[in-house]
Amino acid sequence: MFITNLFTHWEKMKRRDKLEIVNDILVAIQNKGGKIKPTHLLYKSNLSHKKMMEYLSELMQKEMVSEVDEEGKKMFIINQKGFDFLKEYRKIKEFSDSFGL
């Protein structure tokens, strides 16, 4: 019984891979109407500030996300490439889930 519960707990706590983290960041931005404050994204993405900024830097280089200044406040917005990623990621996720992977 203990081993079963431990395994179930481990399954729930498994680490996210890079694609899952990118998806989580983009979904968080999308769910906030396409733009989000850095602090809100930090909480939603469940990453350290350093890791979040590393991912955002890469996403900005790939033109999936942009940083803008709105009335003196820094915001991150999702770009078309980010929306395209979400669409394709959902397809891949549905495909792998259909095989129980």
N, C-alpha and C. Protein backbone atom coordinates (compact mmCIF):
# COMPACT_ATOMS: atom_id res chain seq x y z
N MET A 1 0.83 -1.20 0.00
CA MET A 1 0.00 0.00 0.00
C MET A 1 0.87 1.26 0.00
N PHE A 2 1.88 1.28 0.87
CA PHE A 2 2.77 2.44 0.95
C PHE A 2 3.49 2.69 -0.37
N ILE A 3 3.99 1.61 -0.98
CA ILE A 3 4.71 1.74 -2.25
C ILE A 3 3.78 2.25 -3.34
N THR A 4 2.55 1.78 -3.37
CA THR A 4 1.57 2.25 -4.36
C THR A 4 1.31 3.74 -4.17
N ASN A 5 1.12 4.17 -2.93
CA ASN A 5 0.88 5.60 -2.67
C ASN A 5 2.11 6.43 -3.03
N LEU A 6 3.29 5.92 -2.74
CA LEU A 6 4.52 6.62 -3.06
C LEU A 6 4.67 6.77 -4.57
N PHE A 7 4.37 5.71 -5.32
CA PHE A 7 4.45 5.76 -6.78
C PHE A 7 3.44 6.75 -7.33
N THR A 8 2.22 6.74 -6.81
CA THR A 8 1.18 7.67 -7.26
C THR A 8 1.62 9.11 -6.99
N HIS A 9 2.21 9.35 -5.83
CA HIS A 9 2.70 10.68 -5.49
C HIS A 9 3.81 11.09 -6.46
N TRP A 10 4.73 10.19 -6.77
CA TRP A 10 5.82 10.49 -7.69
C TRP A 10 5.28 10.83 -9.07
N GLU A 11 4.27 10.09 -9.52
CA GLU A 11 3.67 10.36 -10.83
C GLU A 11 3.11 11.77 -10.89
N LYS A 12 2.48 12.21 -9.81
CA LYS A 12 1.91 13.56 -9.78
C LYS A 12 2.99 14.63 -9.72
N MET A 13 4.15 14.29 -9.15
CA MET A 13 5.20 15.27 -8.92
C MET A 13 6.30 15.23 -9.99
N LYS A 14 6.11 14.49 -11.05
CA LYS A 14 7.18 14.38 -12.04
C LYS A 14 7.53 15.74 -12.63
N ARG A 15 8.78 15.86 -13.01
CA ARG A 15 9.27 17.13 -13.54
C ARG A 15 8.71 17.39 -14.94
N ARG A 16 8.49 18.66 -15.20
CA ARG A 16 8.01 19.05 -16.52
C ARG A 16 9.20 19.13 -17.48
N ASP A 17 8.97 18.73 -18.72
CA ASP A 17 10.03 18.91 -19.71
C ASP A 17 9.89 20.31 -20.32
N LYS A 18 10.83 20.65 -21.17
CA LYS A 18 10.89 22.00 -21.74
C LYS A 18 9.61 22.38 -22.47
N LEU A 19 9.08 21.45 -23.27
CA LEU A 19 7.86 21.75 -24.02
C LEU A 19 6.68 22.02 -23.10
N GLU A 20 6.59 21.26 -22.01
CA GLU A 20 5.50 21.48 -21.05
C GLU A 20 5.62 22.84 -20.40
N ILE A 21 6.85 23.24 -20.06
CA ILE A 21 7.06 24.55 -19.43
C ILE A 21 6.72 25.67 -20.40
N VAL A 22 7.18 25.56 -21.64
CA VAL A 22 6.85 26.56 -22.66
C VAL A 22 5.33 26.63 -22.83
N ASN A 23 4.68 25.50 -22.90
CA ASN A 23 3.23 25.47 -23.02
C ASN A 23 2.58 26.16 -21.82
N ASP A 24 3.04 25.85 -20.62
CA ASP A 24 2.46 26.46 -19.42
C ASP A 24 2.61 27.98 -19.43
N ILE A 25 3.77 28.47 -19.86
CA ILE A 25 4.00 29.91 -19.93
C ILE A 25 3.05 30.55 -20.94
N LEU A 26 2.96 29.96 -22.13
CA LEU A 26 2.10 30.53 -23.17
C LEU A 26 0.62 30.45 -22.80
N VAL A 27 0.21 29.37 -22.18
CA VAL A 27 -1.19 29.23 -21.74
C VAL A 27 -1.50 30.28 -20.67
N ALA A 28 -0.56 30.50 -19.76
CA ALA A 28 -0.76 31.52 -18.71
C ALA A 28 -0.98 32.89 -19.33
N ILE A 29 -0.18 33.22 -20.34
CA ILE A 29 -0.34 34.52 -21.02
C ILE A 29 -1.67 34.55 -21.77
N GLN A 30 -1.97 33.48 -22.48
CA GLN A 30 -3.22 33.42 -23.24
C GLN A 30 -4.44 33.57 -22.31
N ASN A 31 -4.40 32.91 -21.17
CA ASN A 31 -5.53 32.94 -20.24
C ASN A 31 -5.74 34.30 -19.58
N LYS A 32 -4.75 35.15 -19.65
CA LYS A 32 -4.87 36.51 -19.11
C LYS A 32 -5.20 37.50 -20.22
N GLY A 33 -5.79 37.03 -21.28
CA GLY A 33 -6.20 37.91 -22.37
C GLY A 33 -5.07 38.23 -23.34
N GLY A 34 -4.01 37.43 -23.32
CA GLY A 34 -2.92 37.62 -24.27
C GLY A 34 -1.78 38.47 -23.75
N LYS A 35 -1.94 39.02 -22.54
CA LYS A 35 -0.85 39.79 -21.94
C LYS A 35 -0.88 39.58 -20.43
N ILE A 36 0.32 39.62 -19.83
CA ILE A 36 0.41 39.31 -18.41
C ILE A 36 1.57 40.08 -17.79
N LYS A 37 1.41 40.45 -16.53
CA LYS A 37 2.49 41.08 -15.78
C LYS A 37 3.50 40.01 -15.38
N PRO A 38 4.77 40.38 -15.27
CA PRO A 38 5.80 39.40 -14.91
C PRO A 38 5.50 38.67 -13.59
N THR A 39 5.03 39.39 -12.59
CA THR A 39 4.75 38.75 -11.30
C THR A 39 3.66 37.70 -11.43
N HIS A 40 2.62 37.99 -12.17
CA HIS A 40 1.54 37.02 -12.37
C HIS A 40 2.05 35.80 -13.13
N LEU A 41 2.89 36.05 -14.13
CA LEU A 41 3.45 34.94 -14.90
C LEU A 41 4.35 34.07 -14.02
N LEU A 42 5.07 34.70 -13.12
CA LEU A 42 5.94 33.97 -12.20
C LEU A 42 5.12 32.98 -11.38
N TYR A 43 4.00 33.42 -10.85
CA TYR A 43 3.14 32.54 -10.05
C TYR A 43 2.50 31.45 -10.91
N LYS A 44 2.02 31.83 -12.08
CA LYS A 44 1.31 30.88 -12.94
C LYS A 44 2.24 29.82 -13.53
N SER A 45 3.49 30.21 -13.82
CA SER A 45 4.41 29.27 -14.46
C SER A 45 5.10 28.34 -13.45
N ASN A 46 5.03 28.69 -12.18
CA ASN A 46 5.64 27.89 -11.12
C ASN A 46 7.14 27.65 -11.37
N LEU A 47 7.84 28.73 -11.72
CA LEU A 47 9.28 28.70 -11.96
C LEU A 47 9.96 29.73 -11.06
N SER A 48 11.24 29.57 -10.87
CA SER A 48 12.00 30.62 -10.19
C SER A 48 12.07 31.81 -11.15
N HIS A 49 12.36 32.99 -10.61
CA HIS A 49 12.47 34.17 -11.45
C HIS A 49 13.55 33.99 -12.51
N LYS A 50 14.68 33.43 -12.10
CA LYS A 50 15.80 33.22 -13.03
C LYS A 50 15.38 32.31 -14.19
N LYS A 51 14.75 31.17 -13.87
CA LYS A 51 14.33 30.22 -14.91
C LYS A 51 13.26 30.84 -15.80
N MET A 52 12.32 31.55 -15.20
CA MET A 52 11.26 32.17 -16.00
C MET A 52 11.87 33.14 -17.01
N MET A 53 12.85 33.94 -16.57
CA MET A 53 13.47 34.91 -17.47
C MET A 53 14.28 34.21 -18.56
N GLU A 54 14.89 33.07 -18.24
CA GLU A 54 15.61 32.31 -19.26
C GLU A 54 14.64 31.83 -20.34
N TYR A 55 13.50 31.28 -19.91
CA TYR A 55 12.51 30.82 -20.89
C TYR A 55 11.94 31.98 -21.68
N LEU A 56 11.63 33.08 -21.02
CA LEU A 56 11.08 34.24 -21.73
C LEU A 56 12.07 34.80 -22.73
N SER A 57 13.33 34.82 -22.37
CA SER A 57 14.36 35.31 -23.29
C SER A 57 14.36 34.47 -24.56
N GLU A 58 14.32 33.16 -24.39
CA GLU A 58 14.28 32.28 -25.57
C GLU A 58 13.00 32.47 -26.37
N LEU A 59 11.87 32.60 -25.68
CA LEU A 59 10.59 32.78 -26.39
C LEU A 59 10.56 34.11 -27.13
N MET A 60 11.20 35.13 -26.57
CA MET A 60 11.28 36.42 -27.28
C MET A 60 12.20 36.31 -28.49
N GLN A 61 13.30 35.60 -28.37
CA GLN A 61 14.20 35.40 -29.51
C GLN A 61 13.49 34.67 -30.63
N LYS A 62 12.61 33.74 -30.29
CA LYS A 62 11.88 32.96 -31.28
C LYS A 62 10.59 33.67 -31.71
N GLU A 63 10.38 34.89 -31.22
CA GLU A 63 9.24 35.73 -31.57
C GLU A 63 7.89 35.10 -31.19
N MET A 64 7.89 34.31 -30.13
CA MET A 64 6.64 33.73 -29.63
C MET A 64 6.00 34.64 -28.59
N VAL A 65 6.83 35.45 -27.94
CA VAL A 65 6.40 36.37 -26.89
C VAL A 65 7.13 37.69 -27.10
N SER A 66 6.47 38.79 -26.72
CA SER A 66 7.11 40.11 -26.76
C SER A 66 6.97 40.77 -25.39
N GLU A 67 7.92 41.62 -25.08
CA GLU A 67 7.85 42.42 -23.86
C GLU A 67 7.44 43.83 -24.27
N VAL A 68 6.43 44.38 -23.62
CA VAL A 68 5.96 45.73 -23.94
C VAL A 68 5.84 46.54 -22.66
N ASP A 69 5.80 47.84 -22.84
CA ASP A 69 5.62 48.76 -21.73
C ASP A 69 4.23 49.37 -21.86
N GLU A 70 3.37 49.09 -20.90
CA GLU A 70 2.01 49.65 -20.92
C GLU A 70 1.84 50.56 -19.72
N GLU A 71 1.77 51.84 -19.98
CA GLU A 71 1.60 52.85 -18.93
C GLU A 71 2.63 52.68 -17.82
N GLY A 72 3.87 52.45 -18.22
CA GLY A 72 4.96 52.31 -17.27
C GLY A 72 5.08 50.96 -16.61
N LYS A 73 4.26 49.99 -17.04
CA LYS A 73 4.32 48.65 -16.47
C LYS A 73 4.79 47.66 -17.53
N LYS A 74 5.74 46.80 -17.14
CA LYS A 74 6.22 45.77 -18.07
C LYS A 74 5.16 44.68 -18.19
N MET A 75 4.91 44.28 -19.43
CA MET A 75 3.95 43.21 -19.71
C MET A 75 4.57 42.28 -20.75
N PHE A 76 4.15 41.04 -20.71
CA PHE A 76 4.53 40.08 -21.75
C PHE A 76 3.28 39.73 -22.53
N ILE A 77 3.41 39.75 -23.86
CA ILE A 77 2.28 39.42 -24.72
C ILE A 77 2.64 38.22 -25.59
N ILE A 78 1.63 37.43 -25.90
CA ILE A 78 1.83 36.28 -26.77
C ILE A 78 1.66 36.73 -28.22
N ASN A 79 2.57 36.32 -29.07
CA ASN A 79 2.52 36.65 -30.50
C ASN A 79 1.91 35.49 -31.28
N GLN A 80 1.73 35.71 -32.57
CA GLN A 80 1.12 34.67 -33.42
C GLN A 80 1.90 33.37 -33.37
N LYS A 81 3.24 33.44 -33.36
CA LYS A 81 4.04 32.21 -33.28
C LYS A 81 3.76 31.46 -31.98
N GLY A 82 3.48 32.19 -30.92
CA GLY A 82 3.12 31.56 -29.65
C GLY A 82 1.78 30.83 -29.75
N PHE A 83 0.81 31.48 -30.40
CA PHE A 83 -0.49 30.83 -30.62
C PHE A 83 -0.33 29.59 -31.50
N ASP A 84 0.52 29.71 -32.51
CA ASP A 84 0.78 28.57 -33.40
C ASP A 84 1.38 27.40 -32.62
N PHE A 85 2.33 27.70 -31.72
CA PHE A 85 2.93 26.66 -30.88
C PHE A 85 1.85 25.96 -30.06
N LEU A 86 0.97 26.74 -29.42
CA LEU A 86 -0.08 26.14 -28.58
C LEU A 86 -0.97 25.20 -29.39
N LYS A 87 -1.31 25.60 -30.59
CA LYS A 87 -2.15 24.78 -31.47
C LYS A 87 -1.46 23.45 -31.79
N GLU A 88 -0.20 23.53 -32.18
CA GLU A 88 0.55 22.31 -32.53
C GLU A 88 0.84 21.45 -31.30
N TYR A 89 1.13 22.08 -30.17
CA TYR A 89 1.41 21.33 -28.95
C TYR A 89 0.17 20.51 -28.54
N ARG A 90 -1.01 21.13 -28.65
CA ARG A 90 -2.25 20.41 -28.32
C ARG A 90 -2.42 19.17 -29.21
N LYS A 91 -2.10 19.32 -30.49
CA LYS A 91 -2.20 18.18 -31.41
C LYS A 91 -1.26 17.06 -30.99
N ILE A 92 -0.02 17.41 -30.67
CA ILE A 92 0.97 16.41 -30.24
C ILE A 92 0.52 15.74 -28.95
N LYS A 93 0.02 16.53 -28.02
CA LYS A 93 -0.43 16.01 -26.72
C LYS A 93 -1.60 15.05 -26.91
N GLU A 94 -2.56 15.42 -27.73
CA GLU A 94 -3.71 14.55 -28.00
C GLU A 94 -3.26 13.25 -28.66
N PHE A 95 -2.33 13.36 -29.59
CA PHE A 95 -1.81 12.18 -30.29
C PHE A 95 -1.12 11.23 -29.31
N SER A 96 -0.22 11.76 -28.48
CA SER A 96 0.49 10.88 -27.53
C SER A 96 -0.45 10.32 -26.47
N ASP A 97 -1.43 11.12 -26.04
CA ASP A 97 -2.41 10.63 -25.06
C ASP A 97 -3.25 9.49 -25.64
N SER A 98 -3.51 9.54 -26.95
CA SER A 98 -4.33 8.50 -27.57
C SER A 98 -3.63 7.14 -27.54
N PHE A 99 -2.31 7.16 -27.37
CA PHE A 99 -1.54 5.92 -27.27
C PHE A 99 -1.16 5.59 -25.83
N GLY A 100 -1.68 6.41 -24.91
CA GLY A 100 -1.39 6.18 -23.49
C GLY A 100 0.03 6.54 -23.11
N LEU A 101 0.66 7.42 -23.85
CA LEU A 101 2.04 7.80 -23.56
C LEU A 101 2.10 9.07 -22.74
